[in-house]
Amino acid sequence: MIFEAPAGATYRVELATNDDDLTAFVIAVLDVVRRFRGGPGLIAELCDGHSEIEAIDRAIMNDELWRISLDESTLGIVVVRRGVLLGIYLTETRRRQGVARATIATLRNAGVGITDARALPGDRATKSLFESLGWKARLLTMSPAE
């Protein structure tokens, strides 16, 4: 699916396929997520008892992982599992340009059933993104301190 973000560039969002570049990109994203409060728990949920490489392969096989690209270059990923947007990640140079919002809108308009979304504790940027789409926070998850 092709879409234009408010910044004017034309992007593509498509189901991910197995390739070494995407796997390396996702592993790098997981390394970033791991540093955030709640990140290790999210990674454990995403991996569901599998290694990170196996989890990436399973997400691709189950049509849960989407690639965001511009001119064949991967700029981000989206993970949607059972209707829950578990994560959206963009490279820093593409943030705050409307790309994430346009990606989510494109997926939903194409019939990808996104009925819920998750943000890490304290991740104001992601919460603001979801609020800009008209979504409301409705669940606070508590867990022991990491």
N, C-alpha and C. Protein backbone atom coordinates (compact mmCIF):
# COMPACT_ATOMS: atom_id res chain seq x y z
N MET A 1 0.84 -1.17 0.00
CA MET A 1 0.00 0.00 0.00
C MET A 1 0.88 1.23 0.00
N ILE A 2 0.55 2.16 -0.82
CA ILE A 2 1.33 3.39 -0.93
C ILE A 2 0.53 4.53 -0.31
N PHE A 3 1.21 5.40 0.43
CA PHE A 3 0.55 6.55 1.04
C PHE A 3 1.50 7.72 1.07
N GLU A 4 0.92 8.89 1.18
CA GLU A 4 1.71 10.11 1.29
C GLU A 4 1.54 10.67 2.69
N ALA A 5 2.63 10.98 3.32
CA ALA A 5 2.60 11.57 4.65
C ALA A 5 2.50 13.09 4.49
N PRO A 6 2.06 13.79 5.53
CA PRO A 6 1.94 15.24 5.43
C PRO A 6 3.21 15.96 4.99
N ALA A 7 4.37 15.37 5.28
CA ALA A 7 5.63 15.99 4.88
C ALA A 7 5.85 15.93 3.36
N GLY A 8 4.99 15.16 2.65
CA GLY A 8 5.04 15.16 1.20
C GLY A 8 5.69 13.97 0.54
N ALA A 9 6.44 13.18 1.26
CA ALA A 9 7.08 12.01 0.66
C ALA A 9 6.06 10.88 0.50
N THR A 10 6.30 10.01 -0.46
CA THR A 10 5.43 8.87 -0.71
C THR A 10 6.08 7.62 -0.13
N TYR A 11 5.36 6.97 0.77
CA TYR A 11 5.87 5.80 1.49
C TYR A 11 5.10 4.56 1.07
N ARG A 12 5.64 3.42 1.46
CA ARG A 12 4.99 2.14 1.22
C ARG A 12 4.92 1.39 2.55
N VAL A 13 3.76 0.78 2.81
CA VAL A 13 3.63 -0.12 3.95
C VAL A 13 3.13 -1.44 3.39
N GLU A 14 3.83 -2.50 3.74
CA GLU A 14 3.49 -3.82 3.20
C GLU A 14 3.86 -4.89 4.21
N LEU A 15 3.16 -6.02 4.08
CA LEU A 15 3.52 -7.15 4.94
C LEU A 15 4.98 -7.48 4.73
N ALA A 16 5.65 -7.75 5.82
CA ALA A 16 7.08 -8.05 5.76
C ALA A 16 7.31 -9.44 5.17
N THR A 17 8.44 -9.58 4.53
CA THR A 17 8.90 -10.87 4.02
C THR A 17 10.27 -11.14 4.64
N ASN A 18 10.64 -12.40 4.66
CA ASN A 18 11.94 -12.76 5.24
C ASN A 18 13.07 -12.21 4.39
N ASP A 19 13.88 -11.38 5.00
CA ASP A 19 15.14 -11.00 4.38
C ASP A 19 16.07 -10.53 5.49
N ASP A 20 17.35 -10.71 5.25
CA ASP A 20 18.34 -10.44 6.29
C ASP A 20 18.36 -8.98 6.72
N ASP A 21 18.13 -8.05 5.77
CA ASP A 21 18.15 -6.64 6.12
C ASP A 21 17.02 -6.30 7.08
N LEU A 22 15.82 -6.82 6.83
CA LEU A 22 14.70 -6.55 7.71
C LEU A 22 14.93 -7.18 9.08
N THR A 23 15.43 -8.40 9.11
CA THR A 23 15.70 -9.05 10.39
C THR A 23 16.70 -8.23 11.20
N ALA A 24 17.75 -7.73 10.57
CA ALA A 24 18.74 -6.90 11.26
C ALA A 24 18.10 -5.61 11.76
N PHE A 25 17.20 -5.03 10.96
CA PHE A 25 16.50 -3.81 11.36
C PHE A 25 15.66 -4.08 12.61
N VAL A 26 14.89 -5.17 12.61
CA VAL A 26 14.02 -5.50 13.73
C VAL A 26 14.85 -5.79 14.99
N ILE A 27 15.95 -6.51 14.85
CA ILE A 27 16.83 -6.78 16.00
C ILE A 27 17.33 -5.46 16.60
N ALA A 28 17.70 -4.51 15.74
CA ALA A 28 18.15 -3.20 16.23
C ALA A 28 17.02 -2.47 16.95
N VAL A 29 15.79 -2.58 16.43
CA VAL A 29 14.63 -1.98 17.09
C VAL A 29 14.43 -2.61 18.47
N LEU A 30 14.52 -3.93 18.55
CA LEU A 30 14.36 -4.61 19.84
C LEU A 30 15.41 -4.14 20.84
N ASP A 31 16.63 -3.88 20.37
CA ASP A 31 17.67 -3.37 21.26
C ASP A 31 17.31 -2.00 21.81
N VAL A 32 16.65 -1.16 21.01
CA VAL A 32 16.20 0.15 21.47
C VAL A 32 15.06 -0.03 22.47
N VAL A 33 14.07 -0.85 22.13
CA VAL A 33 12.90 -1.06 22.98
C VAL A 33 13.30 -1.62 24.33
N ARG A 34 14.29 -2.47 24.34
CA ARG A 34 14.75 -3.13 25.58
C ARG A 34 15.17 -2.09 26.63
N ARG A 35 15.60 -0.92 26.22
CA ARG A 35 16.09 0.10 27.15
C ARG A 35 14.98 0.90 27.82
N PHE A 36 13.75 0.77 27.32
CA PHE A 36 12.63 1.53 27.87
C PHE A 36 11.96 0.77 29.00
N ARG A 37 11.38 1.52 29.93
CA ARG A 37 10.60 0.91 30.99
C ARG A 37 9.45 0.15 30.33
N GLY A 38 9.30 -1.10 30.68
CA GLY A 38 8.28 -1.95 30.06
C GLY A 38 8.74 -2.64 28.80
N GLY A 39 9.88 -2.22 28.26
CA GLY A 39 10.39 -2.80 27.02
C GLY A 39 10.69 -4.29 27.10
N PRO A 40 11.40 -4.74 28.13
CA PRO A 40 11.67 -6.17 28.23
C PRO A 40 10.39 -7.01 28.29
N GLY A 41 9.37 -6.51 28.98
CA GLY A 41 8.10 -7.24 29.04
C GLY A 41 7.42 -7.31 27.69
N LEU A 42 7.46 -6.21 26.94
CA LEU A 42 6.87 -6.20 25.60
C LEU A 42 7.61 -7.17 24.69
N ILE A 43 8.93 -7.19 24.77
CA ILE A 43 9.71 -8.11 23.95
C ILE A 43 9.38 -9.56 24.31
N ALA A 44 9.25 -9.84 25.60
CA ALA A 44 8.88 -11.19 26.03
C ALA A 44 7.53 -11.58 25.45
N GLU A 45 6.58 -10.65 25.46
CA GLU A 45 5.26 -10.93 24.88
C GLU A 45 5.36 -11.16 23.37
N LEU A 46 6.12 -10.33 22.70
CA LEU A 46 6.28 -10.48 21.26
C LEU A 46 6.94 -11.82 20.90
N CYS A 47 7.92 -12.22 21.70
CA CYS A 47 8.65 -13.46 21.42
C CYS A 47 7.88 -14.70 21.86
N ASP A 48 7.06 -14.58 22.87
CA ASP A 48 6.20 -15.68 23.31
C ASP A 48 6.97 -16.99 23.50
N GLY A 49 8.14 -16.89 24.18
CA GLY A 49 8.92 -18.08 24.48
C GLY A 49 9.90 -18.49 23.39
N HIS A 50 9.92 -17.78 22.28
CA HIS A 50 10.83 -18.09 21.18
C HIS A 50 12.02 -17.13 21.19
N SER A 51 13.05 -17.49 20.47
CA SER A 51 14.17 -16.57 20.32
C SER A 51 13.69 -15.37 19.49
N GLU A 52 14.44 -14.28 19.52
CA GLU A 52 14.04 -13.11 18.74
C GLU A 52 13.97 -13.41 17.25
N ILE A 53 14.93 -14.16 16.74
CA ILE A 53 14.92 -14.52 15.31
C ILE A 53 13.69 -15.37 14.99
N GLU A 54 13.40 -16.34 15.82
CA GLU A 54 12.21 -17.17 15.61
C GLU A 54 10.93 -16.35 15.69
N ALA A 55 10.90 -15.40 16.63
CA ALA A 55 9.71 -14.56 16.79
C ALA A 55 9.50 -13.68 15.56
N ILE A 56 10.58 -13.16 15.00
CA ILE A 56 10.47 -12.37 13.77
C ILE A 56 9.92 -13.24 12.64
N ASP A 57 10.48 -14.44 12.49
CA ASP A 57 10.00 -15.36 11.45
C ASP A 57 8.52 -15.68 11.65
N ARG A 58 8.11 -15.92 12.88
CA ARG A 58 6.70 -16.24 13.17
C ARG A 58 5.79 -15.05 12.88
N ALA A 59 6.25 -13.85 13.23
CA ALA A 59 5.45 -12.64 12.96
C ALA A 59 5.27 -12.45 11.45
N ILE A 60 6.30 -12.74 10.69
CA ILE A 60 6.19 -12.65 9.23
C ILE A 60 5.23 -13.72 8.72
N MET A 61 5.41 -14.95 9.19
CA MET A 61 4.57 -16.06 8.74
C MET A 61 3.09 -15.83 9.09
N ASN A 62 2.82 -15.18 10.23
CA ASN A 62 1.45 -14.95 10.68
C ASN A 62 0.88 -13.61 10.23
N ASP A 63 1.58 -12.93 9.31
CA ASP A 63 1.13 -11.63 8.79
C ASP A 63 0.90 -10.60 9.90
N GLU A 64 1.83 -10.54 10.84
CA GLU A 64 1.75 -9.60 11.97
C GLU A 64 2.76 -8.46 11.84
N LEU A 65 3.74 -8.61 10.98
CA LEU A 65 4.82 -7.64 10.86
C LEU A 65 4.72 -6.91 9.52
N TRP A 66 4.71 -5.59 9.60
CA TRP A 66 4.61 -4.73 8.42
C TRP A 66 5.87 -3.90 8.31
N ARG A 67 6.31 -3.67 7.08
CA ARG A 67 7.50 -2.85 6.80
C ARG A 67 7.04 -1.50 6.24
N ILE A 68 7.62 -0.43 6.76
CA ILE A 68 7.40 0.91 6.23
C ILE A 68 8.66 1.29 5.48
N SER A 69 8.51 1.68 4.21
CA SER A 69 9.71 1.97 3.42
C SER A 69 9.52 3.21 2.54
N LEU A 70 10.63 3.72 2.10
CA LEU A 70 10.70 4.84 1.17
C LEU A 70 11.83 4.51 0.22
N ASP A 71 11.53 4.46 -1.07
CA ASP A 71 12.56 4.14 -2.07
C ASP A 71 13.31 2.86 -1.73
N GLU A 72 12.58 1.82 -1.35
CA GLU A 72 13.13 0.50 -1.03
C GLU A 72 13.96 0.45 0.25
N SER A 73 14.03 1.55 0.97
CA SER A 73 14.80 1.59 2.21
C SER A 73 13.83 1.47 3.40
N THR A 74 14.09 0.52 4.29
CA THR A 74 13.24 0.33 5.46
C THR A 74 13.41 1.48 6.44
N LEU A 75 12.29 2.10 6.78
CA LEU A 75 12.30 3.23 7.72
C LEU A 75 11.58 2.92 9.02
N GLY A 76 10.84 1.81 9.02
CA GLY A 76 10.09 1.49 10.22
C GLY A 76 9.36 0.17 10.11
N ILE A 77 8.74 -0.20 11.22
CA ILE A 77 7.97 -1.44 11.28
C ILE A 77 6.71 -1.20 12.12
N VAL A 78 5.73 -2.05 11.88
CA VAL A 78 4.50 -2.06 12.66
C VAL A 78 4.23 -3.52 13.00
N VAL A 79 3.83 -3.77 14.25
CA VAL A 79 3.44 -5.12 14.67
C VAL A 79 1.98 -5.07 15.10
N VAL A 80 1.14 -5.86 14.42
CA VAL A 80 -0.28 -5.97 14.76
C VAL A 80 -0.57 -7.45 14.98
N ARG A 81 -0.98 -7.78 16.21
CA ARG A 81 -1.29 -9.17 16.54
C ARG A 81 -2.70 -9.24 17.12
N ARG A 82 -3.52 -10.05 16.47
CA ARG A 82 -4.91 -10.25 16.91
C ARG A 82 -5.64 -8.93 17.16
N GLY A 83 -5.45 -7.98 16.25
CA GLY A 83 -6.15 -6.71 16.32
C GLY A 83 -5.52 -5.67 17.22
N VAL A 84 -4.41 -6.01 17.88
CA VAL A 84 -3.74 -5.07 18.78
C VAL A 84 -2.46 -4.57 18.12
N LEU A 85 -2.36 -3.26 17.99
CA LEU A 85 -1.13 -2.65 17.49
C LEU A 85 -0.15 -2.68 18.65
N LEU A 86 0.76 -3.64 18.61
CA LEU A 86 1.71 -3.82 19.72
C LEU A 86 2.87 -2.85 19.64
N GLY A 87 3.16 -2.38 18.45
CA GLY A 87 4.27 -1.44 18.33
C GLY A 87 4.37 -0.85 16.95
N ILE A 88 4.81 0.39 16.91
CA ILE A 88 5.16 1.06 15.66
C ILE A 88 6.47 1.76 15.92
N TYR A 89 7.41 1.61 15.02
CA TYR A 89 8.74 2.19 15.20
C TYR A 89 9.16 2.82 13.88
N LEU A 90 9.67 4.03 13.96
CA LEU A 90 10.24 4.73 12.81
C LEU A 90 11.64 5.19 13.15
N THR A 91 12.49 5.24 12.14
CA THR A 91 13.82 5.80 12.36
C THR A 91 13.66 7.24 12.82
N GLU A 92 14.61 7.73 13.57
CA GLU A 92 14.50 9.07 14.16
C GLU A 92 14.29 10.16 13.11
N THR A 93 14.87 10.02 11.94
CA THR A 93 14.74 11.06 10.93
C THR A 93 13.33 11.15 10.34
N ARG A 94 12.48 10.15 10.58
CA ARG A 94 11.11 10.15 10.03
C ARG A 94 10.05 10.41 11.09
N ARG A 95 10.47 10.64 12.30
CA ARG A 95 9.50 10.90 13.38
C ARG A 95 8.99 12.33 13.31
N ARG A 96 7.80 12.53 13.86
CA ARG A 96 7.17 13.85 13.98
C ARG A 96 6.90 14.49 12.61
N GLN A 97 6.66 13.63 11.61
CA GLN A 97 6.34 14.11 10.26
C GLN A 97 5.00 13.56 9.77
N GLY A 98 4.27 12.89 10.64
CA GLY A 98 2.98 12.34 10.26
C GLY A 98 3.04 10.97 9.61
N VAL A 99 4.23 10.37 9.56
CA VAL A 99 4.39 9.07 8.90
C VAL A 99 3.68 7.97 9.69
N ALA A 100 3.85 7.95 11.00
CA ALA A 100 3.20 6.91 11.82
C ALA A 100 1.69 7.03 11.71
N ARG A 101 1.17 8.23 11.84
CA ARG A 101 -0.28 8.45 11.76
C ARG A 101 -0.79 8.00 10.39
N ALA A 102 -0.10 8.38 9.32
CA ALA A 102 -0.52 7.99 7.97
C ALA A 102 -0.41 6.49 7.77
N THR A 103 0.59 5.86 8.36
CA THR A 103 0.74 4.41 8.26
C THR A 103 -0.44 3.69 8.90
N ILE A 104 -0.78 4.10 10.11
CA ILE A 104 -1.90 3.46 10.82
C ILE A 104 -3.20 3.68 10.04
N ALA A 105 -3.42 4.89 9.56
CA ALA A 105 -4.63 5.18 8.79
C ALA A 105 -4.68 4.33 7.52
N THR A 106 -3.55 4.18 6.85
CA THR A 106 -3.50 3.38 5.63
C THR A 106 -3.84 1.92 5.93
N LEU A 107 -3.27 1.37 6.98
CA LEU A 107 -3.56 -0.01 7.35
C LEU A 107 -5.04 -0.20 7.68
N ARG A 108 -5.58 0.70 8.47
CA ARG A 108 -6.99 0.58 8.85
C ARG A 108 -7.90 0.74 7.63
N ASN A 109 -7.60 1.69 6.76
CA ASN A 109 -8.41 1.90 5.56
C ASN A 109 -8.35 0.71 4.61
N ALA A 110 -7.26 -0.06 4.69
CA ALA A 110 -7.10 -1.24 3.84
C ALA A 110 -7.75 -2.48 4.47
N GLY A 111 -8.36 -2.31 5.64
CA GLY A 111 -9.06 -3.42 6.26
C GLY A 111 -8.28 -4.19 7.31
N VAL A 112 -7.09 -3.71 7.66
CA VAL A 112 -6.34 -4.35 8.74
C VAL A 112 -7.06 -4.00 10.04
N GLY A 113 -7.54 -5.01 10.71
CA GLY A 113 -8.34 -4.80 11.91
C GLY A 113 -7.51 -4.40 13.11
N ILE A 114 -7.38 -3.12 13.34
CA ILE A 114 -6.68 -2.62 14.52
C ILE A 114 -7.74 -2.06 15.45
N THR A 115 -7.99 -2.77 16.54
CA THR A 115 -9.04 -2.38 17.47
C THR A 115 -8.50 -1.86 18.79
N ASP A 116 -7.19 -2.03 19.00
CA ASP A 116 -6.57 -1.63 20.26
C ASP A 116 -5.11 -1.34 19.97
N ALA A 117 -4.46 -0.65 20.87
CA ALA A 117 -3.04 -0.34 20.69
C ALA A 117 -2.36 -0.30 22.05
N ARG A 118 -1.08 -0.48 22.04
CA ARG A 118 -0.31 -0.50 23.27
C ARG A 118 0.83 0.52 23.18
N ALA A 119 1.05 1.20 24.30
CA ALA A 119 2.19 2.11 24.42
C ALA A 119 2.94 1.74 25.70
N LEU A 120 4.23 1.87 25.67
CA LEU A 120 5.04 1.58 26.86
C LEU A 120 4.79 2.63 27.93
N PRO A 121 4.96 2.26 29.19
CA PRO A 121 4.79 3.24 30.28
C PRO A 121 5.69 4.45 30.07
N GLY A 122 5.13 5.62 30.19
CA GLY A 122 5.91 6.84 30.05
C GLY A 122 6.21 7.25 28.63
N ASP A 123 5.72 6.52 27.63
CA ASP A 123 5.99 6.85 26.23
C ASP A 123 4.95 7.86 25.74
N ARG A 124 5.18 9.11 26.09
CA ARG A 124 4.23 10.18 25.78
C ARG A 124 4.04 10.36 24.27
N ALA A 125 5.11 10.20 23.49
CA ALA A 125 5.00 10.40 22.05
C ALA A 125 4.02 9.40 21.43
N THR A 126 4.12 8.14 21.83
CA THR A 126 3.21 7.12 21.28
C THR A 126 1.79 7.36 21.77
N LYS A 127 1.65 7.71 23.04
CA LYS A 127 0.31 8.00 23.56
C LYS A 127 -0.30 9.19 22.83
N SER A 128 0.50 10.21 22.55
CA SER A 128 0.00 11.37 21.81
C SER A 128 -0.40 10.98 20.39
N LEU A 129 0.38 10.10 19.77
CA LEU A 129 0.03 9.61 18.43
C LEU A 129 -1.34 8.95 18.46
N PHE A 130 -1.55 8.05 19.40
CA PHE A 130 -2.82 7.35 19.47
C PHE A 130 -3.97 8.31 19.78
N GLU A 131 -3.74 9.28 20.65
CA GLU A 131 -4.77 10.27 20.95
C GLU A 131 -5.09 11.11 19.72
N SER A 132 -4.09 11.39 18.88
CA SER A 132 -4.34 12.17 17.66
C SER A 132 -5.22 11.41 16.68
N LEU A 133 -5.30 10.10 16.84
CA LEU A 133 -6.17 9.27 16.01
C LEU A 133 -7.57 9.13 16.62
N GLY A 134 -7.77 9.78 17.76
CA GLY A 134 -9.07 9.74 18.42
C GLY A 134 -9.22 8.61 19.42
N TRP A 135 -8.14 7.91 19.72
CA TRP A 135 -8.19 6.81 20.66
C TRP A 135 -8.03 7.34 22.07
N LYS A 136 -8.61 6.65 23.02
CA LYS A 136 -8.54 7.04 24.43
C LYS A 136 -7.85 5.95 25.24
N ALA A 137 -7.05 6.38 26.19
CA ALA A 137 -6.43 5.42 27.12
C ALA A 137 -7.53 4.82 27.97
N ARG A 138 -7.50 3.50 28.13
CA ARG A 138 -8.55 2.85 28.91
C ARG A 138 -8.02 1.79 29.84
N LEU A 139 -6.74 1.54 29.84
CA LEU A 139 -6.21 0.47 30.66
C LEU A 139 -4.84 0.87 31.18
N LEU A 140 -4.66 0.68 32.45
CA LEU A 140 -3.36 0.90 33.07
C LEU A 140 -2.89 -0.47 33.55
N THR A 141 -1.75 -0.90 33.07
CA THR A 141 -1.22 -2.20 33.45
C THR A 141 -0.14 -2.00 34.51
N MET A 142 -0.26 -2.71 35.58
CA MET A 142 0.69 -2.61 36.67
C MET A 142 1.53 -3.89 36.71
N SER A 143 2.81 -3.71 37.04
CA SER A 143 3.68 -4.86 37.20
C SER A 143 4.78 -4.48 38.18
N PRO A 144 5.50 -5.47 38.72
CA PRO A 144 6.61 -5.17 39.63
C PRO A 144 7.67 -4.34 38.93
N ALA A 145 8.36 -3.51 39.67
CA ALA A 145 9.43 -2.69 39.10
C ALA A 145 10.48 -3.59 38.48
N GLU A 146 11.03 -3.13 37.36
CA GLU A 146 12.08 -3.91 36.66
C GLU A 146 13.43 -3.58 37.19
